């Protein structure tokens, strides 16, 4: 049994008997039945055990890479960079690192470090090429910090699965690849631009100096000529001023004399104008006083009329108000009286209808008793018709209707001799009744008998009576009459 303690920057990784997966600790006992394999810096030993452990170092390590990349513009360049990477000091990250990147206790050896660096280098190259392929060369130069941040974020997201962490990343200056001179020409362009700008600045300074010198010389000559001209002008001005002064003296004397005369005249005119102005002022004041007096009189009249109109308006308003109140009170009283009258009329009508209904109900009860006495509704109906003279009224109405119809009725009678022993009486009676019959059919239906049977008389002419059978038109009662 051996007790092992890891250094400050190391962890012990134990696997084997009694350990389900991987156990990561700072110190542990290695039992006699366990197998141990470790690196202590001086020698390597291995015990025949059924339990194995290894040490891993979490110290970060640096490695340099120089990868070839191509921008979106198809420009190739070399990107030198230095990354400081190491295991993340976190239980989950250490477990990933122990499971994936340790090789039999060689996590702290140079061979183990080379193995990790190869993996990291592949990740960095792949992610960097992906980022560079979507950027232009100008963006990489101007946004160096954003470019660096993208590389660190993308690479770190891939290293998380191995339990590794980027502690620092330093992207150096971009360089040309073999056969490419882009940065060389770019630097030469900048150098030549600066050199040419310096030459332009020198020439510009020299030009400014020469122009300034020539300007100063010309200005000196101009000032000398100006002074000479001013001297000649001043001499001429002095002579002219002397002549002008003499002329002005004479003019002044004349002007003074004329001024004295004009002053006297002007004083007299001003006195007259002042007097006229004072007179005008006095008249104006007098007119204003008269105007104010008349205005005051009109104002007093206007106030009096206003107050009078106000009193009249108040009186009319009071009268109208009282009249409106009276009218409103009268209308209200009329409306209440109409409402009371309508209410009482409605109550009276209701009472009358109620009493009428009660009377009809009593009459109905009486008619019911009469119906029982007269043998039923038919007997009551006959009694009522007799009581109201209904039969007489019906007979009169039928007679009037029959009279309005104006019927044509023909009656014939063979007389009392029809029972005699005369054997020709039936034949005679038949022939006596035939003319009135045909005439009746003709009048009522418009059908005439054939001429070989009978000759019909003209319309409107009466048929002469023949024999005992009489035929006439009219309304006749009794035998032997035609009706």
Protein backbone atom coordinates (compact mmCIF):
# COMPACT_ATOMS: atom_id res chain seq x y z
CA UNK A 1 0.00 0.00 0.00
CA UNK A 2 1.46 3.33 -1.11
CA UNK A 3 0.15 6.81 -0.27
CA UNK A 4 0.52 9.23 -3.19
CA UNK A 5 0.19 13.03 -3.14
CA UNK A 6 -0.03 15.14 -6.32
CA UNK A 7 1.82 18.42 -6.73
CA UNK A 8 0.01 21.77 -6.61
CA UNK A 9 -0.39 21.79 -10.39
CA UNK A 10 -1.27 18.09 -10.71
CA UNK A 11 -4.13 15.69 -10.12
CA UNK A 12 -4.13 11.90 -9.57
CA UNK A 13 -6.25 9.86 -11.95
CA UNK A 14 -7.20 6.47 -10.51
CA UNK A 15 -8.92 3.63 -12.36
CA UNK A 16 -9.30 -0.06 -11.72
CA UNK A 17 -10.71 -2.11 -8.85
CA UNK A 18 -13.21 -0.28 -6.70
CA UNK A 19 -13.53 2.63 -9.16
CA UNK A 20 -16.51 2.66 -11.49
CA UNK A 21 -15.19 5.16 -14.04
CA UNK A 22 -12.40 7.60 -13.28
CA UNK A 23 -11.45 9.09 -9.93
CA UNK A 24 -9.61 12.43 -9.90
CA UNK A 25 -8.09 13.43 -6.57
CA UNK A 26 -5.13 15.31 -5.13
CA UNK A 27 -4.03 12.43 -2.81
CA UNK A 28 -4.93 8.76 -2.40
CA UNK A 29 -3.80 5.41 -1.00
CA UNK A 30 -2.67 2.76 -3.46
CA UNK A 31 -3.52 -0.57 -1.89
CA UNK A 32 -1.26 -3.71 -2.19
CA UNK A 33 -3.68 -5.32 -4.60
CA UNK A 34 -3.58 -2.32 -6.86
CA UNK A 35 -1.49 -1.54 -9.91
CA UNK A 36 0.10 1.90 -10.14
CA UNK A 37 1.83 3.60 -13.01
CA UNK A 38 3.12 7.18 -12.65
CA UNK A 39 5.84 9.64 -13.53
CA UNK A 40 7.64 11.20 -10.60
CA UNK A 41 10.27 13.12 -12.57
CA UNK A 42 13.18 10.74 -11.82
CA UNK A 43 12.05 7.22 -12.61
CA UNK A 44 9.07 5.24 -13.73
CA UNK A 45 7.79 2.30 -11.71
CA UNK A 46 4.92 -0.11 -12.17
CA UNK A 47 3.39 -2.31 -9.50
CA UNK A 48 1.44 -5.45 -10.26
CA UNK A 49 -1.91 -4.32 -9.04
CA UNK A 50 -5.45 -4.42 -10.29
CA UNK A 51 -5.85 -0.67 -9.77
CA UNK A 52 -4.05 1.96 -11.84
CA UNK A 53 -3.56 5.71 -11.47
CA UNK A 54 -1.79 8.50 -13.36
CA UNK A 55 -0.88 12.12 -12.79
CA UNK A 56 -1.97 14.96 -15.02
CA UNK A 57 -0.62 18.48 -14.95
CA UNK A 58 -2.98 21.45 -15.33
CA UNK A 59 -0.17 23.94 -16.04
CA UNK A 60 -0.87 25.81 -19.28
CA UNK A 61 1.62 25.52 -22.08
CA UNK A 62 2.45 27.74 -25.05
CA UNK A 63 2.79 26.68 -28.62
CA UNK A 64 3.28 28.65 -31.77
CA UNK A 65 1.53 28.03 -35.06
CA UNK A 66 1.80 29.60 -38.46
CA UNK A 67 -1.17 28.66 -40.56
CA UNK A 68 -1.95 29.36 -44.16
CA UNK A 69 -5.34 31.03 -44.81
CA UNK A 70 -7.23 32.67 -47.68
CA UNK A 71 -9.62 35.62 -47.47
CA UNK A 72 -12.91 36.02 -49.29
CA UNK A 73 -10.91 37.92 -51.95
CA UNK A 74 -8.79 34.80 -52.62
CA UNK A 75 -5.72 36.42 -51.04
CA UNK A 76 -3.38 33.99 -49.28
CA UNK A 77 -1.40 34.98 -46.21
CA UNK A 78 0.37 33.47 -43.25
CA UNK A 79 -1.05 33.99 -39.77
CA UNK A 80 1.50 33.45 -36.96
CA UNK A 81 -0.04 33.10 -33.53
CA UNK A 82 0.85 31.99 -30.01
CA UNK A 83 -1.78 30.25 -27.85
CA UNK A 84 -1.57 29.54 -24.12
CA UNK A 85 -3.75 26.49 -23.46
CA UNK A 86 -4.17 24.12 -20.56
CA UNK A 87 -6.69 21.84 -18.82
CA UNK A 88 -9.61 23.68 -17.26
CA UNK A 89 -9.50 23.38 -13.46
CA UNK A 90 -13.06 22.12 -13.19
CA UNK A 91 -14.21 18.57 -12.28
CA UNK A 92 -16.17 17.96 -15.48
CA UNK A 93 -13.44 19.45 -17.68
CA UNK A 94 -10.72 17.45 -15.88
CA UNK A 95 -12.71 14.23 -16.38
CA UNK A 96 -13.00 14.94 -20.14
CA UNK A 97 -9.29 15.71 -20.31
CA UNK A 98 -8.37 12.52 -18.38
CA UNK A 99 -10.58 10.32 -20.53
CA UNK A 100 -9.67 11.75 -23.94
CA UNK A 101 -6.13 13.14 -23.82
CA UNK A 102 -4.13 11.10 -21.30
CA UNK A 103 -2.18 8.10 -22.61
CA UNK A 104 -1.11 5.77 -19.83
CA UNK A 105 0.29 8.40 -17.51
CA UNK A 106 1.98 10.43 -20.26
CA UNK A 107 -0.18 13.54 -19.83
CA UNK A 108 2.76 15.38 -18.30
CA UNK A 109 5.47 14.21 -20.72
CA UNK A 110 6.58 15.88 -23.89
CA UNK A 111 4.98 13.10 -25.90
CA UNK A 112 1.65 13.76 -24.20
CA UNK A 113 2.00 17.52 -24.73
CA UNK A 114 2.77 16.99 -28.44
CA UNK A 115 -0.34 14.88 -28.73
CA UNK A 116 -2.48 17.65 -27.20
CA UNK A 117 -0.78 20.34 -29.31
CA UNK A 118 -1.52 18.41 -32.51
CA UNK A 119 -5.22 18.26 -31.61
CA UNK A 120 -5.36 21.93 -30.63
CA UNK A 121 -3.44 22.96 -33.73
CA UNK A 122 -5.92 21.16 -35.96
CA UNK A 123 -8.84 22.86 -34.23
CA UNK A 124 -7.25 26.32 -34.43
CA UNK A 125 -6.33 25.96 -38.10
CA UNK A 126 -9.82 24.77 -39.04
CA UNK A 127 -11.73 27.46 -37.14
CA UNK A 128 -9.34 30.24 -38.26
CA UNK A 129 -9.69 29.29 -41.92
CA UNK A 130 -13.49 29.29 -41.57
CA UNK A 131 -13.45 32.79 -40.06
CA UNK A 132 -10.92 34.21 -42.54
CA UNK A 133 -12.80 32.83 -45.55
CA UNK A 134 -15.74 35.08 -44.68
CA UNK A 135 -13.73 38.31 -44.22
CA UNK A 136 -11.85 40.69 -46.47
CA UNK A 137 -8.24 41.68 -45.95
CA UNK A 138 -9.34 45.22 -45.07
CA UNK A 139 -11.72 43.90 -42.39
CA UNK A 140 -8.95 41.77 -40.87
CA UNK A 141 -6.66 44.83 -40.65
CA UNK A 142 -9.28 47.28 -39.33
CA UNK A 143 -11.09 44.89 -37.00
CA UNK A 144 -8.13 43.05 -35.51
CA UNK A 145 -9.70 42.77 -32.06
CA UNK A 146 -12.99 41.42 -33.43
CA UNK A 147 -11.04 38.95 -35.55
CA UNK A 148 -9.10 37.77 -32.49
CA UNK A 149 -12.27 37.47 -30.40
CA UNK A 150 -13.99 35.35 -33.05
CA UNK A 151 -11.01 33.00 -33.23
CA UNK A 152 -10.89 32.57 -29.44
CA UNK A 153 -14.68 32.00 -29.16
CA UNK A 154 -14.82 29.44 -31.98
CA UNK A 155 -11.72 27.57 -30.85
CA UNK A 156 -12.86 27.56 -27.21
CA UNK A 157 -16.23 26.08 -28.18
CA UNK A 158 -14.35 23.18 -29.78
CA UNK A 159 -11.85 22.77 -26.92
CA UNK A 160 -14.65 22.48 -24.36
CA UNK A 161 -15.27 18.92 -25.44
CA UNK A 162 -11.66 18.02 -24.47
CA UNK A 163 -11.70 19.88 -21.18
CA UNK A 164 -9.17 22.47 -22.39
CA UNK A 165 -9.20 26.21 -21.87
CA UNK A 166 -7.53 29.09 -23.75
CA UNK A 167 -5.77 31.33 -21.25
CA UNK A 168 -4.31 33.69 -23.80
CA UNK A 169 -4.05 34.12 -27.57
CA UNK A 170 -1.69 36.47 -29.38
CA UNK A 171 -2.16 36.97 -33.12
CA UNK A 172 1.01 38.38 -34.67
CA UNK A 173 1.35 40.51 -37.78
CA UNK A 174 0.11 38.95 -41.00
CA UNK A 175 2.82 37.76 -43.36
CA UNK A 176 3.08 36.86 -47.03
CA UNK A 177 3.11 33.23 -48.03
CA UNK A 178 5.70 31.75 -50.37
CA UNK A 179 5.22 33.27 -53.81
CA UNK A 180 2.97 36.10 -52.54
CA UNK A 181 4.17 39.68 -52.05
CA UNK A 182 0.88 41.33 -51.07
CA UNK A 183 2.04 42.73 -47.74
CA UNK A 184 5.42 43.64 -49.25
CA UNK A 185 3.78 45.71 -51.95
CA UNK A 186 1.35 47.13 -49.43
CA UNK A 187 4.23 48.24 -47.20
CA UNK A 188 6.10 49.65 -50.20
CA UNK A 189 2.94 51.50 -51.22
CA UNK A 190 2.66 53.05 -47.79
CA UNK A 191 6.37 53.92 -47.76
CA UNK A 192 6.27 55.44 -51.23
CA UNK A 193 3.13 57.35 -50.32
CA UNK A 194 4.79 58.79 -47.23
CA UNK A 195 7.97 59.63 -49.22
CA UNK A 196 6.03 61.32 -51.99
CA UNK A 197 3.96 63.23 -49.46
CA UNK A 198 7.18 64.42 -47.81
CA UNK A 199 8.53 65.59 -51.17
CA UNK A 200 5.25 67.41 -51.85
CA UNK A 201 5.43 69.04 -48.43
CA UNK A 202 9.05 70.16 -49.04
CA UNK A 203 8.20 71.59 -52.48
CA UNK A 204 5.15 73.32 -51.04
CA UNK A 205 7.25 74.89 -48.29
CA UNK A 206 9.89 76.04 -50.80
CA UNK A 207 7.15 77.52 -53.02
CA UNK A 208 5.63 79.37 -50.11
CA UNK A 209 9.08 80.79 -49.19
CA UNK A 210 9.87 82.03 -52.70
CA UNK A 211 6.40 83.52 -53.11
CA UNK A 212 6.73 85.27 -49.78
CA UNK A 213 10.14 86.70 -50.69
CA UNK A 214 8.92 88.03 -54.09
CA UNK A 215 5.81 89.41 -52.44
CA UNK A 216 7.90 91.32 -49.92
CA UNK A 217 10.17 92.84 -52.61
CA UNK A 218 7.18 93.92 -54.74
CA UNK A 219 5.42 95.37 -51.75
CA UNK A 220 8.55 97.41 -50.89
CA UNK A 221 8.68 98.92 -54.39
CA UNK A 222 4.94 99.63 -54.25
CA UNK A 223 5.29 101.46 -50.97
CA UNK A 224 8.15 103.62 -52.33
CA UNK A 225 6.12 104.59 -55.43
CA UNK A 226 3.10 105.28 -53.29
CA UNK A 227 5.08 107.59 -51.03
CA UNK A 228 6.44 109.56 -54.05
CA UNK A 229 2.97 109.92 -55.55
CA UNK A 230 1.51 110.97 -52.24
CA UNK A 231 4.21 113.66 -51.88
CA UNK A 232 3.38 115.16 -55.32
CA UNK A 233 -0.31 115.00 -54.54
CA UNK A 234 0.19 116.72 -51.25
CA UNK A 235 2.10 119.60 -52.91
CA UNK A 236 -0.71 120.05 -55.45
CA UNK A 237 -3.30 119.83 -52.71
CA UNK A 238 -1.57 122.56 -50.75
CA UNK A 239 -1.65 124.93 -53.73
CA UNK A 240 -5.25 124.07 -54.43
CA UNK A 241 -6.13 124.52 -50.80
CA UNK A 242 -4.60 128.03 -50.78
CA UNK A 243 -6.65 129.05 -53.85
CA UNK A 244 -9.68 127.47 -52.37
CA UNK A 245 -9.14 129.29 -49.12
CA UNK A 246 -9.00 132.67 -50.94
CA UNK A 247 -12.17 131.89 -52.88
CA UNK A 248 -13.87 130.70 -49.75
CA UNK A 249 -12.96 133.90 -47.96
CA UNK A 250 -14.66 136.03 -50.63
CA UNK A 251 -17.60 133.68 -50.74
CA UNK A 252 -17.86 133.73 -46.98
CA UNK A 253 -18.00 137.51 -46.86
CA UNK A 254 -20.73 137.59 -49.49
CA UNK A 255 -22.59 134.80 -47.76
CA UNK A 256 -22.39 136.59 -44.45
CA UNK A 257 -23.91 139.73 -45.90
CA UNK A 258 -26.64 137.74 -47.59
CA UNK A 259 -27.13 135.78 -44.42
CA UNK A 260 -27.70 138.89 -42.37
CA UNK A 261 -30.37 140.08 -44.81
CA UNK A 262 -31.98 136.66 -44.95
CA UNK A 263 -31.90 136.42 -41.16
CA UNK A 264 -33.76 139.69 -40.82
CA UNK A 265 -36.39 138.63 -43.38
CA UNK A 266 -36.65 135.19 -41.85
CA UNK A 267 -37.08 136.62 -38.36
CA UNK A 268 -39.94 138.78 -39.60
CA UNK A 269 -41.57 135.84 -41.40
CA UNK A 270 -41.11 133.62 -38.41
CA UNK A 271 -42.77 136.18 -36.18
CA UNK A 272 -45.75 136.34 -38.56
CA UNK A 273 -45.85 132.51 -38.80
CA UNK A 274 -45.69 132.20 -35.02
CA UNK A 275 -48.56 134.67 -34.63
CA UNK A 276 -50.64 132.74 -37.21
CA UNK A 277 -49.80 129.48 -35.49
CA UNK A 278 -50.86 130.86 -32.12
CA UNK A 279 -54.12 132.14 -33.65
CA UNK A 280 -54.71 128.69 -35.18
CA UNK A 281 -53.99 127.03 -31.85
CA UNK A 282 -56.47 129.28 -30.09
CA UNK A 283 -59.17 128.58 -32.68
CA UNK A 284 -58.42 124.87 -32.48
CA UNK A 285 -58.77 124.89 -28.71
CA UNK A 286 -62.00 126.87 -28.96
CA UNK A 287 -63.37 124.35 -31.53
CA UNK A 288 -62.30 121.43 -29.34
CA UNK A 289 -64.04 122.99 -26.34
CA UNK A 290 -67.24 123.43 -28.35
CA UNK A 291 -66.95 119.88 -29.63
CA UNK A 292 -66.50 118.50 -26.12
CA UNK A 293 -69.47 120.55 -24.89
CA UNK A 294 -71.71 119.22 -27.67
CA UNK A 295 -70.36 115.73 -27.13
CA UNK A 296 -71.17 115.98 -23.41
CA UNK A 297 -74.72 117.12 -24.21
CA UNK A 298 -75.18 114.25 -26.68
CA UNK A 299 -73.68 111.84 -24.16
CA UNK A 300 -76.15 112.98 -21.47
CA UNK A 301 -79.06 112.57 -23.91
CA UNK A 302 -77.78 109.17 -24.94
CA UNK A 303 -77.47 108.06 -21.30
CA UNK A 304 -80.98 109.31 -20.58
CA UNK A 305 -82.37 107.49 -23.62
CA UNK A 306 -80.40 104.37 -22.68
CA UNK A 307 -81.74 104.37 -19.13
CA UNK A 308 -85.26 105.05 -20.40
CA UNK A 309 -84.97 102.23 -22.95
CA UNK A 310 -83.57 99.99 -20.22
CA UNK A 311 -86.53 100.74 -17.94
CA UNK A 312 -88.97 100.14 -20.80
CA UNK A 313 -87.22 96.90 -21.70
CA UNK A 314 -87.33 95.80 -18.04
CA UNK A 315 -91.04 96.67 -17.90
CA UNK A 316 -91.74 94.75 -21.11
CA UNK A 317 -89.68 91.85 -19.84
CA UNK A 318 -91.60 91.86 -16.52
CA UNK A 319 -94.94 92.09 -18.33
CA UNK A 320 -93.99 89.34 -20.77
CA UNK A 321 -92.69 87.21 -17.92
CA UNK A 322 -95.85 87.61 -15.89
CA UNK A 323 -97.99 87.08 -18.99
CA UNK A 324 -96.07 83.93 -19.82
CA UNK A 325 -96.45 82.74 -16.21
CA UNK A 326 -100.18 83.43 -16.38
CA UNK A 327 -100.51 81.66 -19.71
CA UNK A 328 -98.49 78.74 -18.41
CA UNK A 329 -100.65 78.56 -15.25
CA UNK A 330 -103.86 78.80 -17.34
CA UNK A 331 -102.63 76.08 -19.73
CA UNK A 332 -101.68 73.96 -16.77
CA UNK A 333 -105.12 74.41 -15.21
CA UNK A 334 -106.84 73.73 -18.55
CA UNK A 335 -104.74 70.60 -19.01
CA UNK A 336 -105.57 69.42 -15.49
CA UNK A 337 -109.28 70.16 -16.07
CA UNK A 338 -109.22 68.34 -19.41
CA UNK A 339 -107.40 65.44 -17.78
CA UNK A 340 -109.97 65.36 -14.93
CA UNK A 341 -112.90 65.63 -17.39
CA UNK A 342 -111.47 62.89 -19.65
CA UNK A 343 -110.86 60.72 -16.57
CA UNK A 344 -114.42 61.15 -15.35
CA UNK A 345 -115.88 60.59 -18.84
CA UNK A 346 -113.82 57.42 -19.16
CA UNK A 347 -115.02 56.28 -15.72
CA UNK A 348 -118.64 57.10 -16.68
CA UNK A 349 -118.33 55.27 -20.00
CA UNK A 350 -116.74 52.34 -18.19
CA UNK A 351 -119.59 52.32 -15.65
CA UNK A 352 -122.20 52.58 -18.44
CA UNK A 353 -120.63 49.75 -20.38
CA UNK A 354 -120.38 47.74 -17.19
CA UNK A 355 -124.08 48.30 -16.43
CA UNK A 356 -124.98 47.60 -20.07
CA UNK A 357 -123.07 44.36 -19.90
CA UNK A 358 -124.80 43.48 -16.65
CA UNK A 359 -128.18 44.27 -18.28
CA UNK A 360 -127.33 42.13 -21.30
CA UNK A 361 -126.27 39.36 -18.93
CA UNK A 362 -129.65 39.61 -17.05
CA UNK A 363 -131.53 39.65 -20.40
CA UNK A 364 -129.58 36.60 -21.49
CA UNK A 365 -130.60 34.84 -18.26
CA UNK A 366 -134.25 35.85 -18.88
CA UNK A 367 -134.11 34.63 -22.48
CA UNK A 368 -132.68 31.38 -21.16
CA UNK A 369 -135.67 30.92 -18.86
CA UNK A 370 -138.07 31.85 -21.73
CA UNK A 371 -136.34 29.32 -23.97
CA UNK A 372 -136.98 26.64 -21.36
CA UNK A 373 -140.65 27.70 -21.10
CA UNK A 374 -141.20 27.89 -24.94
CA UNK A 375 -139.66 24.48 -25.57
CA UNK A 376 -136.17 25.36 -26.68
CA UNK A 377 -134.29 27.88 -28.81
CA UNK A 378 -136.62 27.40 -31.82
CA UNK A 379 -139.66 28.37 -29.81
CA UNK A 380 -137.81 31.40 -28.38
CA UNK A 381 -136.76 32.41 -31.93
CA UNK A 382 -140.36 32.21 -33.19
CA UNK A 383 -141.56 34.22 -30.15
CA UNK A 384 -138.97 36.91 -30.79
CA UNK A 385 -139.87 37.07 -34.49
CA UNK A 386 -143.58 37.46 -33.60
CA UNK A 387 -142.71 40.02 -30.93
CA UNK A 388 -140.69 42.12 -33.37
CA UNK A 389 -143.12 41.68 -36.35
CA UNK A 390 -140.38 39.95 -38.27
CA UNK A 391 -142.81 37.97 -40.46
CA UNK A 392 -144.69 41.10 -41.57
CA UNK A 393 -141.39 42.85 -42.37
CA UNK A 394 -140.24 39.85 -44.44
CA UNK A 395 -143.55 39.78 -46.38
CA UNK A 396 -143.26 43.51 -47.13
CA UNK A 397 -139.72 43.17 -48.29
CA UNK A 398 -140.62 40.21 -50.55
CA UNK A 399 -143.53 42.15 -52.07
CA UNK A 400 -141.27 45.14 -52.74
CA UNK A 401 -138.65 42.87 -54.31
CA UNK A 402 -141.24 41.14 -56.46
CA UNK A 403 -142.62 44.48 -57.56
CA UNK A 404 -139.17 45.71 -58.53
CA UNK A 405 -138.65 42.58 -60.63
CA UNK A 406 -141.85 43.31 -62.73
CA UNK A 407 -142.55 39.67 -63.70
CA UNK A 408 -144.83 38.80 -66.61
CA UNK A 409 -147.27 36.07 -65.64
CA UNK A 410 -149.88 34.69 -67.99
CA UNK A 411 -152.93 32.83 -66.59
CA UNK A 412 -155.59 31.28 -68.69
CA UNK A 413 -158.73 29.53 -67.71
CA UNK A 414 -161.06 27.37 -69.85
CA UNK A 415 -164.10 28.51 -67.93
CA UNK A 416 -166.89 26.61 -66.32
CA UNK A 417 -167.95 24.90 -69.52
CA UNK A 418 -165.03 22.58 -69.51
CA UNK A 419 -167.16 19.96 -67.91
CA UNK A 420 -169.90 20.12 -70.62
CA UNK A 421 -170.65 17.33 -72.95
CA UNK A 422 -169.10 19.14 -75.89
CA UNK A 423 -166.58 16.71 -77.38
CA UNK A 424 -164.56 19.43 -79.05
CA UNK A 425 -164.00 21.38 -75.86
CA UNK A 426 -160.54 19.96 -75.12
CA UNK A 427 -159.31 20.77 -78.59
CA UNK A 428 -160.81 24.22 -78.41
CA UNK A 429 -159.33 24.88 -75.04
CA UNK A 430 -155.92 23.75 -76.34
CA UNK A 431 -156.02 26.11 -79.27
CA UNK A 432 -157.26 28.92 -77.02
CA UNK A 433 -154.25 28.51 -74.69
CA UNK A 434 -151.66 28.19 -77.48
CA UNK A 435 -151.39 31.93 -78.48
CA UNK A 436 -150.80 33.22 -74.93
CA UNK A 437 -148.24 30.43 -74.35
CA UNK A 438 -146.25 31.27 -77.47
CA UNK A 439 -146.43 34.98 -76.65
CA UNK A 440 -145.11 34.36 -73.13
CA UNK A 441 -142.22 32.23 -74.45
CA UNK A 442 -141.36 34.94 -76.98
CA UNK A 443 -141.39 37.72 -74.38
CA UNK A 444 -139.40 35.86 -71.76
CA UNK A 445 -136.89 34.04 -73.97
CA UNK A 446 -136.99 35.91 -77.31
CA UNK A 447 -137.75 32.65 -79.21
CA UNK A 448 -140.46 33.02 -81.90
CA UNK A 449 -142.44 30.06 -83.31
CA UNK A 450 -142.15 29.27 -87.03
CA UNK A 451 -144.45 31.23 -89.32
CA UNK A 452 -146.25 28.10 -90.57
CA UNK A 453 -147.33 27.49 -86.96
CA UNK A 454 -148.35 31.00 -85.80
CA UNK A 455 -148.00 34.64 -86.80
CA UNK A 456 -146.63 36.64 -83.80
CA UNK A 457 -148.00 40.20 -83.35
CA UNK A 458 -145.76 43.28 -83.31
CA UNK A 459 -144.15 44.24 -80.08
CA UNK A 460 -146.19 46.61 -77.97
CA UNK A 461 -149.56 45.57 -79.57
CA UNK A 462 -152.01 43.70 -77.38
CA UNK A 463 -153.45 40.37 -78.52
CA UNK A 464 -157.19 40.48 -79.00
CA UNK A 465 -159.15 38.09 -76.81
CA UNK A 466 -160.62 35.11 -78.61
CA UNK A 467 -163.39 32.93 -77.35
CA UNK A 468 -163.70 32.39 -73.71
CA UNK A 469 -159.99 32.29 -73.12
CA UNK A 470 -158.70 35.79 -72.49
CA UNK A 471 -155.09 36.84 -72.74
CA UNK A 472 -153.92 40.20 -71.51
CA UNK A 473 -150.94 41.75 -69.88
CA UNK A 474 -151.08 43.26 -66.47
CA UNK A 475 -151.83 42.18 -62.98
CA UNK A 476 -155.46 40.96 -62.57
CA UNK A 477 -157.05 38.91 -59.78
CA UNK A 478 -159.76 36.31 -60.36
CA UNK A 479 -160.64 33.81 -63.08
CA UNK A 480 -160.41 34.51 -66.80
CA UNK A 481 -157.66 37.01 -66.22
CA UNK A 482 -154.16 37.18 -67.52
CA UNK A 483 -151.61 38.31 -65.09
